[in-house]
Amino acid sequence: MTDKLSQDEAFNRWVLPEIEVLLRVARSLTRHGPDAEDLVQDTLLRAYKGIERFDGRHPRAWLLTILRNTNINRNRRQRPHLLNNPDGATDALSLAESPDRADETVEATFDTEVKAALAALPANFKEVVTLVDIDQLSYAEAAEMLDIPTGTVMSRLHRARKRIRDHLNQAGFPRGAANETF
């Protein structure tokens, strides 16, 4: 892939079909749409520049590795952000005040507890849950992206799901509700 045309062809063949996955993973990493788009753009630029060194095997894992490393580098350069919405805690309370929204309140509480359970996980467990359960990567793709064996992905995922279930059970959600999700 030394000439410009073959570099473009390789990019079109291996990178463009994975943009949706990259965006989905970037959104889960950044939790902010514009930041996710910037992260994907930086990833695409790095992939384009490095496509001639890519061997053509496992393009998704290759791109997700670039995305992950780009995100790590960006986070190192950035300062901590201030809260975007300091009054966000009152949103859940306003839902609870309306009796017509009981289901929505329970759902919001459940979502809050799941987020708290995820936040409490060690980083290596959180990465695996995010990639496999949220971003829907296969065990093999997650393993390649994290540069760990597939069995390690499976064991971390099992332990992480158990911790999430335990957290939800302690928060008052019945065993069945937690098991349907995790």
N, C-alpha and C. Protein backbone atom coordinates (compact mmCIF):
# COMPACT_ATOMS: atom_id res chain seq x y z
N MET A 1 0.82 -1.19 0.00
CA MET A 1 0.00 0.00 0.00
C MET A 1 0.86 1.25 0.00
N THR A 2 1.67 1.39 -0.98
CA THR A 2 2.60 2.51 -1.01
C THR A 2 2.02 3.71 -1.73
N ASP A 3 1.18 3.51 -2.73
CA ASP A 3 0.65 4.67 -3.43
C ASP A 3 -0.64 5.17 -2.77
N LYS A 4 -1.02 6.39 -3.12
CA LYS A 4 -2.16 7.06 -2.51
C LYS A 4 -3.47 6.31 -2.75
N LEU A 5 -3.65 5.78 -3.94
CA LEU A 5 -4.88 5.09 -4.27
C LEU A 5 -5.06 3.85 -3.40
N SER A 6 -4.03 3.06 -3.25
CA SER A 6 -4.17 1.85 -2.45
C SER A 6 -4.38 2.19 -0.98
N GLN A 7 -3.83 3.29 -0.52
CA GLN A 7 -4.06 3.72 0.86
C GLN A 7 -5.54 4.09 1.03
N ASP A 8 -6.09 4.80 0.05
CA ASP A 8 -7.51 5.15 0.10
C ASP A 8 -8.38 3.90 0.02
N GLU A 9 -8.03 2.97 -0.84
CA GLU A 9 -8.81 1.73 -0.95
C GLU A 9 -8.78 0.95 0.35
N ALA A 10 -7.63 0.86 0.96
CA ALA A 10 -7.52 0.14 2.23
C ALA A 10 -8.35 0.82 3.31
N PHE A 11 -8.31 2.13 3.34
CA PHE A 11 -9.10 2.88 4.32
C PHE A 11 -10.59 2.63 4.10
N ASN A 12 -11.02 2.69 2.85
CA ASN A 12 -12.43 2.45 2.54
C ASN A 12 -12.85 1.03 2.89
N ARG A 13 -11.97 0.09 2.68
CA ARG A 13 -12.29 -1.32 2.91
C ARG A 13 -12.32 -1.69 4.39
N TRP A 14 -11.36 -1.22 5.16
CA TRP A 14 -11.21 -1.67 6.54
C TRP A 14 -11.71 -0.69 7.59
N VAL A 15 -11.65 0.59 7.29
CA VAL A 15 -11.96 1.58 8.32
C VAL A 15 -13.40 2.08 8.23
N LEU A 16 -13.84 2.48 7.07
CA LEU A 16 -15.17 3.07 6.94
C LEU A 16 -16.30 2.18 7.46
N PRO A 17 -16.27 0.87 7.25
CA PRO A 17 -17.36 0.04 7.79
C PRO A 17 -17.42 0.00 9.32
N GLU A 18 -16.38 0.44 9.98
CA GLU A 18 -16.31 0.37 11.44
C GLU A 18 -16.63 1.69 12.14
N ILE A 19 -17.01 2.71 11.39
CA ILE A 19 -17.22 4.02 11.99
C ILE A 19 -18.34 3.99 13.03
N GLU A 20 -19.43 3.28 12.77
CA GLU A 20 -20.52 3.22 13.74
C GLU A 20 -20.05 2.62 15.06
N VAL A 21 -19.27 1.55 14.98
CA VAL A 21 -18.74 0.91 16.19
C VAL A 21 -17.81 1.88 16.92
N LEU A 22 -16.95 2.55 16.18
CA LEU A 22 -16.04 3.52 16.80
C LEU A 22 -16.81 4.62 17.52
N LEU A 23 -17.86 5.11 16.90
CA LEU A 23 -18.65 6.18 17.50
C LEU A 23 -19.36 5.68 18.76
N ARG A 24 -19.90 4.47 18.70
CA ARG A 24 -20.58 3.90 19.87
C ARG A 24 -19.61 3.74 21.05
N VAL A 25 -18.44 3.21 20.77
CA VAL A 25 -17.44 3.02 21.83
C VAL A 25 -16.95 4.38 22.34
N ALA A 26 -16.73 5.32 21.43
CA ALA A 26 -16.28 6.66 21.83
C ALA A 26 -17.31 7.34 22.73
N ARG A 27 -18.59 7.17 22.41
CA ARG A 27 -19.63 7.76 23.26
C ARG A 27 -19.60 7.16 24.65
N SER A 28 -19.36 5.86 24.73
CA SER A 28 -19.33 5.24 26.06
C SER A 28 -18.07 5.66 26.82
N LEU A 29 -17.00 5.96 26.13
CA LEU A 29 -15.77 6.40 26.80
C LEU A 29 -15.85 7.85 27.25
N THR A 30 -16.42 8.71 26.42
CA THR A 30 -16.42 10.14 26.72
C THR A 30 -17.69 10.62 27.40
N ARG A 31 -18.79 9.94 27.15
CA ARG A 31 -20.10 10.31 27.68
C ARG A 31 -20.53 11.72 27.23
N HIS A 32 -20.02 12.15 26.10
CA HIS A 32 -20.33 13.48 25.58
C HIS A 32 -20.22 13.42 24.06
N GLY A 33 -21.34 13.66 23.37
CA GLY A 33 -21.41 13.51 21.93
C GLY A 33 -20.31 14.21 21.14
N PRO A 34 -20.13 15.52 21.34
CA PRO A 34 -19.09 16.22 20.58
C PRO A 34 -17.68 15.69 20.87
N ASP A 35 -17.41 15.34 22.13
CA ASP A 35 -16.09 14.77 22.45
C ASP A 35 -15.91 13.42 21.77
N ALA A 36 -16.98 12.65 21.70
CA ALA A 36 -16.92 11.34 21.05
C ALA A 36 -16.61 11.51 19.56
N GLU A 37 -17.26 12.48 18.94
CA GLU A 37 -17.01 12.73 17.52
C GLU A 37 -15.57 13.19 17.28
N ASP A 38 -15.07 14.04 18.17
CA ASP A 38 -13.67 14.48 18.05
C ASP A 38 -12.72 13.30 18.22
N LEU A 39 -13.03 12.42 19.17
CA LEU A 39 -12.19 11.25 19.41
C LEU A 39 -12.18 10.34 18.18
N VAL A 40 -13.35 10.13 17.58
CA VAL A 40 -13.42 9.30 16.37
C VAL A 40 -12.66 9.95 15.23
N GLN A 41 -12.78 11.26 15.10
CA GLN A 41 -12.05 11.96 14.03
C GLN A 41 -10.54 11.79 14.21
N ASP A 42 -10.06 11.97 15.44
CA ASP A 42 -8.63 11.78 15.70
C ASP A 42 -8.21 10.34 15.40
N THR A 43 -9.07 9.40 15.76
CA THR A 43 -8.80 7.98 15.51
C THR A 43 -8.71 7.71 14.01
N LEU A 44 -9.65 8.27 13.25
CA LEU A 44 -9.65 8.07 11.80
C LEU A 44 -8.39 8.66 11.16
N LEU A 45 -7.96 9.81 11.64
CA LEU A 45 -6.73 10.41 11.11
C LEU A 45 -5.52 9.52 11.39
N ARG A 46 -5.45 9.01 12.61
CA ARG A 46 -4.32 8.12 12.94
C ARG A 46 -4.39 6.82 12.14
N ALA A 47 -5.60 6.32 11.95
CA ALA A 47 -5.75 5.08 11.17
C ALA A 47 -5.34 5.32 9.72
N TYR A 48 -5.73 6.46 9.17
CA TYR A 48 -5.37 6.77 7.78
C TYR A 48 -3.86 6.87 7.62
N LYS A 49 -3.22 7.52 8.59
CA LYS A 49 -1.76 7.67 8.52
C LYS A 49 -1.04 6.33 8.70
N GLY A 50 -1.65 5.43 9.46
CA GLY A 50 -0.99 4.16 9.75
C GLY A 50 -1.50 2.98 8.97
N ILE A 51 -2.40 3.21 8.00
CA ILE A 51 -3.03 2.10 7.27
C ILE A 51 -2.01 1.26 6.50
N GLU A 52 -0.92 1.87 6.07
CA GLU A 52 0.06 1.10 5.30
C GLU A 52 0.81 0.09 6.17
N ARG A 53 0.79 0.30 7.49
CA ARG A 53 1.42 -0.67 8.39
C ARG A 53 0.44 -1.75 8.87
N PHE A 54 -0.85 -1.57 8.56
CA PHE A 54 -1.87 -2.52 9.00
C PHE A 54 -1.86 -3.74 8.09
N ASP A 55 -1.93 -4.93 8.70
CA ASP A 55 -1.82 -6.18 7.93
C ASP A 55 -3.15 -6.69 7.37
N GLY A 56 -4.26 -6.03 7.68
CA GLY A 56 -5.54 -6.45 7.13
C GLY A 56 -6.32 -7.42 8.01
N ARG A 57 -5.71 -7.88 9.08
CA ARG A 57 -6.41 -8.80 9.97
C ARG A 57 -7.03 -8.02 11.13
N HIS A 58 -8.23 -8.35 11.47
CA HIS A 58 -8.95 -7.80 12.63
C HIS A 58 -8.99 -6.26 12.62
N PRO A 59 -9.60 -5.68 11.61
CA PRO A 59 -9.62 -4.21 11.53
C PRO A 59 -10.34 -3.56 12.71
N ARG A 60 -11.42 -4.19 13.21
CA ARG A 60 -12.14 -3.59 14.33
C ARG A 60 -11.25 -3.49 15.57
N ALA A 61 -10.58 -4.56 15.88
CA ALA A 61 -9.70 -4.56 17.06
C ALA A 61 -8.57 -3.54 16.89
N TRP A 62 -8.02 -3.46 15.68
CA TRP A 62 -6.96 -2.49 15.40
C TRP A 62 -7.46 -1.07 15.61
N LEU A 63 -8.65 -0.78 15.07
CA LEU A 63 -9.21 0.57 15.20
C LEU A 63 -9.58 0.89 16.64
N LEU A 64 -10.13 -0.09 17.35
CA LEU A 64 -10.50 0.16 18.74
C LEU A 64 -9.26 0.37 19.62
N THR A 65 -8.18 -0.27 19.27
CA THR A 65 -6.93 -0.04 19.99
C THR A 65 -6.45 1.39 19.76
N ILE A 66 -6.53 1.85 18.51
CA ILE A 66 -6.16 3.23 18.20
C ILE A 66 -7.08 4.19 18.98
N LEU A 67 -8.38 3.90 18.98
CA LEU A 67 -9.35 4.74 19.68
C LEU A 67 -9.02 4.80 21.17
N ARG A 68 -8.77 3.66 21.75
CA ARG A 68 -8.47 3.60 23.19
C ARG A 68 -7.19 4.38 23.51
N ASN A 69 -6.15 4.17 22.74
CA ASN A 69 -4.89 4.88 22.99
C ASN A 69 -5.04 6.39 22.76
N THR A 70 -5.80 6.76 21.76
CA THR A 70 -6.05 8.18 21.50
C THR A 70 -6.81 8.80 22.66
N ASN A 71 -7.79 8.08 23.18
CA ASN A 71 -8.55 8.57 24.33
C ASN A 71 -7.65 8.73 25.56
N ILE A 72 -6.80 7.77 25.79
CA ILE A 72 -5.87 7.85 26.93
C ILE A 72 -4.98 9.08 26.79
N ASN A 73 -4.44 9.28 25.59
CA ASN A 73 -3.58 10.44 25.36
C ASN A 73 -4.33 11.76 25.54
N ARG A 74 -5.56 11.81 25.07
CA ARG A 74 -6.36 13.03 25.21
C ARG A 74 -6.66 13.31 26.68
N ASN A 75 -6.98 12.27 27.44
CA ASN A 75 -7.28 12.46 28.86
C ASN A 75 -6.07 12.93 29.65
N ARG A 76 -4.90 12.50 29.25
CA ARG A 76 -3.68 12.94 29.92
C ARG A 76 -3.46 14.44 29.73
N ARG A 77 -3.85 14.94 28.57
CA ARG A 77 -3.62 16.35 28.26
C ARG A 77 -4.68 17.28 28.86
N GLN A 78 -5.86 16.74 29.13
CA GLN A 78 -6.97 17.59 29.57
C GLN A 78 -6.97 17.77 31.08
N ARG A 79 -7.49 18.90 31.49
CA ARG A 79 -7.70 19.15 32.91
C ARG A 79 -9.07 18.60 33.29
N PRO A 80 -9.30 18.35 34.57
CA PRO A 80 -10.62 17.89 34.99
C PRO A 80 -11.69 18.92 34.62
N HIS A 81 -12.82 18.40 34.19
CA HIS A 81 -13.92 19.29 33.81
C HIS A 81 -14.79 19.60 35.02
N LEU A 82 -15.37 20.79 35.00
CA LEU A 82 -16.35 21.13 36.02
C LEU A 82 -17.65 20.44 35.66
N LEU A 83 -18.52 20.31 36.64
CA LEU A 83 -19.82 19.70 36.37
C LEU A 83 -20.57 20.52 35.34
N ASN A 84 -21.14 19.84 34.36
CA ASN A 84 -21.91 20.54 33.33
C ASN A 84 -23.25 21.01 33.87
N ASN A 85 -23.85 20.22 34.76
CA ASN A 85 -25.16 20.53 35.27
C ASN A 85 -25.17 20.32 36.78
N PRO A 86 -24.83 21.36 37.56
CA PRO A 86 -24.77 21.17 39.00
C PRO A 86 -26.13 20.88 39.62
N ASP A 87 -27.21 21.21 38.93
CA ASP A 87 -28.54 20.94 39.45
C ASP A 87 -29.09 19.61 38.96
N GLY A 88 -28.26 18.79 38.34
CA GLY A 88 -28.70 17.50 37.80
C GLY A 88 -29.27 16.58 38.84
N ALA A 89 -28.84 16.70 40.08
CA ALA A 89 -29.34 15.82 41.14
C ALA A 89 -30.81 16.07 41.40
N THR A 90 -31.32 17.26 41.11
CA THR A 90 -32.72 17.55 41.37
C THR A 90 -33.63 16.97 40.29
N ASP A 91 -33.09 16.56 39.16
CA ASP A 91 -33.92 15.99 38.10
C ASP A 91 -34.62 14.72 38.55
N ALA A 92 -33.93 13.84 39.24
CA ALA A 92 -34.53 12.60 39.70
C ALA A 92 -35.61 12.89 40.73
N LEU A 93 -35.41 13.92 41.57
CA LEU A 93 -36.41 14.28 42.57
C LEU A 93 -37.68 14.79 41.91
N SER A 94 -37.56 15.57 40.86
CA SER A 94 -38.75 16.08 40.19
C SER A 94 -39.55 14.96 39.56
N LEU A 95 -38.88 13.91 39.09
CA LEU A 95 -39.60 12.74 38.58
C LEU A 95 -40.37 12.05 39.69
N ALA A 96 -39.78 11.95 40.87
CA ALA A 96 -40.39 11.24 41.97
C ALA A 96 -41.62 11.96 42.49
N GLU A 97 -41.73 13.26 42.29
CA GLU A 97 -42.87 14.01 42.79
C GLU A 97 -44.15 13.69 42.05
N SER A 98 -44.09 13.19 40.85
CA SER A 98 -45.27 12.91 40.04
C SER A 98 -45.69 11.46 40.21
N PRO A 99 -46.90 11.20 40.75
CA PRO A 99 -47.34 9.81 40.94
C PRO A 99 -47.56 9.08 39.62
N ASP A 100 -47.79 9.81 38.54
CA ASP A 100 -48.01 9.19 37.24
C ASP A 100 -46.73 8.61 36.66
N ARG A 101 -45.62 8.96 37.23
CA ARG A 101 -44.34 8.55 36.68
C ARG A 101 -43.62 7.55 37.58
N ALA A 102 -44.35 6.73 38.28
CA ALA A 102 -43.74 5.77 39.21
C ALA A 102 -42.80 4.83 38.47
N ASP A 103 -43.25 4.33 37.32
CA ASP A 103 -42.39 3.42 36.56
C ASP A 103 -41.12 4.12 36.09
N GLU A 104 -41.27 5.36 35.65
CA GLU A 104 -40.10 6.11 35.20
C GLU A 104 -39.13 6.37 36.35
N THR A 105 -39.69 6.60 37.54
CA THR A 105 -38.85 6.83 38.71
C THR A 105 -38.06 5.58 39.06
N VAL A 106 -38.73 4.43 39.04
CA VAL A 106 -38.05 3.17 39.33
C VAL A 106 -36.97 2.92 38.29
N GLU A 107 -37.32 3.17 37.02
CA GLU A 107 -36.35 2.98 35.95
C GLU A 107 -35.14 3.91 36.11
N ALA A 108 -35.41 5.16 36.46
CA ALA A 108 -34.32 6.11 36.65
C ALA A 108 -33.45 5.70 37.84
N THR A 109 -34.10 5.22 38.90
CA THR A 109 -33.35 4.76 40.07
C THR A 109 -32.50 3.55 39.72
N PHE A 110 -33.09 2.63 38.95
CA PHE A 110 -32.34 1.44 38.52
C PHE A 110 -31.13 1.86 37.69
N ASP A 111 -31.36 2.77 36.74
CA ASP A 111 -30.25 3.25 35.90
C ASP A 111 -29.16 3.91 36.75
N THR A 112 -29.59 4.69 37.73
CA THR A 112 -28.63 5.34 38.62
C THR A 112 -27.81 4.30 39.39
N GLU A 113 -28.48 3.26 39.87
CA GLU A 113 -27.78 2.21 40.62
C GLU A 113 -26.82 1.42 39.72
N VAL A 114 -27.24 1.16 38.48
CA VAL A 114 -26.35 0.46 37.54
C VAL A 114 -25.12 1.32 37.27
N LYS A 115 -25.32 2.62 37.07
CA LYS A 115 -24.18 3.52 36.84
C LYS A 115 -23.27 3.56 38.06
N ALA A 116 -23.87 3.57 39.25
CA ALA A 116 -23.07 3.57 40.48
C ALA A 116 -22.28 2.27 40.61
N ALA A 117 -22.93 1.15 40.25
CA ALA A 117 -22.25 -0.14 40.31
C ALA A 117 -21.09 -0.18 39.32
N LEU A 118 -21.30 0.35 38.13
CA LEU A 118 -20.22 0.42 37.14
C LEU A 118 -19.08 1.31 37.62
N ALA A 119 -19.43 2.43 38.21
CA ALA A 119 -18.41 3.36 38.69
C ALA A 119 -17.58 2.74 39.82
N ALA A 120 -18.19 1.85 40.59
CA ALA A 120 -17.49 1.22 41.71
C ALA A 120 -16.56 0.09 41.28
N LEU A 121 -16.71 -0.36 40.04
CA LEU A 121 -15.87 -1.46 39.57
C LEU A 121 -14.43 -1.01 39.38
N PRO A 122 -13.48 -1.92 39.57
CA PRO A 122 -12.09 -1.60 39.21
C PRO A 122 -12.01 -1.32 37.70
N ALA A 123 -11.05 -0.54 37.31
CA ALA A 123 -10.94 -0.11 35.90
C ALA A 123 -10.89 -1.28 34.94
N ASN A 124 -10.17 -2.35 35.29
CA ASN A 124 -10.06 -3.48 34.36
C ASN A 124 -11.39 -4.20 34.19
N PHE A 125 -12.23 -4.25 35.22
CA PHE A 125 -13.56 -4.85 35.10
C PHE A 125 -14.48 -3.93 34.29
N LYS A 126 -14.39 -2.63 34.57
CA LYS A 126 -15.25 -1.66 33.89
C LYS A 126 -14.99 -1.66 32.38
N GLU A 127 -13.72 -1.76 32.00
CA GLU A 127 -13.37 -1.79 30.57
C GLU A 127 -14.04 -2.97 29.87
N VAL A 128 -13.98 -4.13 30.50
CA VAL A 128 -14.53 -5.34 29.89
C VAL A 128 -16.05 -5.25 29.79
N VAL A 129 -16.72 -4.78 30.85
CA VAL A 129 -18.18 -4.63 30.82
C VAL A 129 -18.57 -3.65 29.72
N THR A 130 -17.86 -2.55 29.63
CA THR A 130 -18.17 -1.54 28.62
C THR A 130 -18.03 -2.11 27.21
N LEU A 131 -16.94 -2.79 26.96
CA LEU A 131 -16.70 -3.30 25.61
C LEU A 131 -17.66 -4.43 25.23
N VAL A 132 -17.90 -5.37 26.14
CA VAL A 132 -18.70 -6.55 25.80
C VAL A 132 -20.19 -6.29 25.97
N ASP A 133 -20.61 -5.77 27.12
CA ASP A 133 -22.04 -5.61 27.38
C ASP A 133 -22.64 -4.35 26.78
N ILE A 134 -21.89 -3.27 26.77
CA ILE A 134 -22.44 -2.01 26.27
C ILE A 134 -22.15 -1.82 24.79
N ASP A 135 -20.88 -2.02 24.41
CA ASP A 135 -20.50 -1.80 23.01
C ASP A 135 -20.66 -3.05 22.15
N GLN A 136 -21.02 -4.16 22.77
CA GLN A 136 -21.35 -5.42 22.09
C GLN A 136 -20.21 -5.97 21.24
N LEU A 137 -19.00 -5.86 21.75
CA LEU A 137 -17.88 -6.51 21.07
C LEU A 137 -17.85 -7.97 21.50
N SER A 138 -17.28 -8.81 20.68
CA SER A 138 -17.12 -10.21 21.06
C SER A 138 -16.00 -10.31 22.09
N TYR A 139 -15.93 -11.45 22.78
CA TYR A 139 -14.85 -11.66 23.74
C TYR A 139 -13.50 -11.51 23.05
N ALA A 140 -13.38 -12.09 21.86
CA ALA A 140 -12.11 -12.05 21.14
C ALA A 140 -11.73 -10.62 20.76
N GLU A 141 -12.70 -9.84 20.31
CA GLU A 141 -12.42 -8.44 19.94
C GLU A 141 -12.00 -7.63 21.16
N ALA A 142 -12.70 -7.83 22.27
CA ALA A 142 -12.34 -7.12 23.50
C ALA A 142 -10.95 -7.54 23.97
N ALA A 143 -10.67 -8.83 23.88
CA ALA A 143 -9.35 -9.34 24.31
C ALA A 143 -8.24 -8.73 23.46
N GLU A 144 -8.47 -8.66 22.16
CA GLU A 144 -7.44 -8.10 21.29
C GLU A 144 -7.25 -6.61 21.55
N MET A 145 -8.36 -5.92 21.77
CA MET A 145 -8.26 -4.48 22.02
C MET A 145 -7.51 -4.20 23.32
N LEU A 146 -7.77 -5.02 24.35
CA LEU A 146 -7.14 -4.80 25.65
C LEU A 146 -5.79 -5.50 25.77
N ASP A 147 -5.45 -6.28 24.76
CA ASP A 147 -4.19 -7.02 24.74
C ASP A 147 -4.09 -7.98 25.93
N ILE A 148 -5.19 -8.74 26.13
CA ILE A 148 -5.23 -9.76 27.18
C ILE A 148 -5.84 -11.02 26.59
N PRO A 149 -5.67 -12.18 27.22
CA PRO A 149 -6.27 -13.41 26.71
C PRO A 149 -7.80 -13.37 26.78
N THR A 150 -8.45 -14.11 25.90
CA THR A 150 -9.91 -14.18 25.88
C THR A 150 -10.45 -14.71 27.20
N GLY A 151 -9.78 -15.68 27.78
CA GLY A 151 -10.21 -16.22 29.07
C GLY A 151 -10.21 -15.17 30.17
N THR A 152 -9.27 -14.25 30.11
CA THR A 152 -9.22 -13.17 31.09
C THR A 152 -10.41 -12.24 30.91
N VAL A 153 -10.79 -11.97 29.66
CA VAL A 153 -11.99 -11.17 29.40
C VAL A 153 -13.20 -11.85 30.02
N MET A 154 -13.31 -13.15 29.80
CA MET A 154 -14.47 -13.89 30.30
C MET A 154 -14.52 -13.89 31.83
N SER A 155 -13.39 -14.10 32.47
CA SER A 155 -13.39 -14.14 33.94
C SER A 155 -13.65 -12.75 34.53
N ARG A 156 -13.06 -11.72 33.94
CA ARG A 156 -13.32 -10.36 34.43
C ARG A 156 -14.78 -9.99 34.25
N LEU A 157 -15.34 -10.37 33.11
CA LEU A 157 -16.75 -10.08 32.86
C LEU A 157 -17.64 -10.79 33.86
N HIS A 158 -17.35 -12.05 34.14
CA HIS A 158 -18.13 -12.81 35.12
C HIS A 158 -18.08 -12.14 36.49
N ARG A 159 -16.88 -11.78 36.92
CA ARG A 159 -16.72 -11.15 38.24
C ARG A 159 -17.38 -9.77 38.28
N ALA A 160 -17.26 -9.02 37.20
CA ALA A 160 -17.87 -7.69 37.15
C ALA A 160 -19.39 -7.80 37.20
N ARG A 161 -19.96 -8.71 36.43
CA ARG A 161 -21.42 -8.88 36.44
C ARG A 161 -21.90 -9.30 37.82
N LYS A 162 -21.15 -10.15 38.49
CA LYS A 162 -21.54 -10.58 39.84
C LYS A 162 -21.53 -9.38 40.78
N ARG A 163 -20.52 -8.53 40.70
CA ARG A 163 -20.46 -7.34 41.55
C ARG A 163 -21.63 -6.40 41.26
N ILE A 164 -21.97 -6.27 40.00
CA ILE A 164 -23.10 -5.40 39.64
C ILE A 164 -24.40 -5.99 40.19
N ARG A 165 -24.59 -7.30 40.02
CA ARG A 165 -25.79 -7.95 40.58
C ARG A 165 -25.86 -7.76 42.09
N ASP A 166 -24.75 -7.96 42.77
CA ASP A 166 -24.72 -7.79 44.23
C ASP A 166 -25.06 -6.36 44.62
N HIS A 167 -24.52 -5.40 43.89
CA HIS A 167 -24.82 -3.99 44.17
C HIS A 167 -26.32 -3.72 44.00
N LEU A 168 -26.90 -4.23 42.91
CA LEU A 168 -28.32 -4.01 42.67
C LEU A 168 -29.18 -4.69 43.73
N ASN A 169 -28.78 -5.88 44.15
CA ASN A 169 -29.52 -6.57 45.21
C ASN A 169 -29.46 -5.78 46.51
N GLN A 170 -28.31 -5.24 46.84
CA GLN A 170 -28.17 -4.44 48.06
C GLN A 170 -28.95 -3.14 47.97
N ALA A 171 -29.16 -2.65 46.76
CA ALA A 171 -29.92 -1.41 46.56
C ALA A 171 -31.42 -1.66 46.60
N GLY A 172 -31.82 -2.92 46.77
CA GLY A 172 -33.24 -3.22 46.91
C GLY A 172 -33.92 -3.72 45.67
N PHE A 173 -33.18 -3.98 44.63
CA PHE A 173 -33.79 -4.54 43.44
C PHE A 173 -33.79 -6.06 43.58
N PRO A 174 -34.92 -6.69 43.29
CA PRO A 174 -34.99 -8.15 43.46
C PRO A 174 -34.02 -8.88 42.55
N ARG A 175 -33.69 -10.09 42.96
CA ARG A 175 -32.70 -10.90 42.23
C ARG A 175 -33.05 -10.99 40.75
N GLY A 176 -34.29 -11.18 40.40
CA GLY A 176 -34.70 -11.32 39.00
C GLY A 176 -34.44 -10.08 38.18
N ALA A 177 -34.67 -8.90 38.75
CA ALA A 177 -34.46 -7.65 38.01
C ALA A 177 -33.00 -7.48 37.65
N ALA A 178 -32.14 -7.80 38.59
CA ALA A 178 -30.70 -7.67 38.33
C ALA A 178 -30.24 -8.72 37.35
N ASN A 179 -30.78 -9.92 37.41
CA ASN A 179 -30.34 -11.00 36.52
C ASN A 179 -30.79 -10.78 35.09
N GLU A 180 -31.92 -10.10 34.88
CA GLU A 180 -32.38 -9.83 33.52
C GLU A 180 -31.40 -8.91 32.80
N THR A 181 -30.79 -8.02 33.53
CA THR A 181 -29.87 -7.07 32.93
C THR A 181 -28.45 -7.58 32.93
N PHE A 182 -28.02 -8.18 34.06
CA PHE A 182 -26.65 -8.65 34.20
C PHE A 182 -26.67 -10.09 34.58
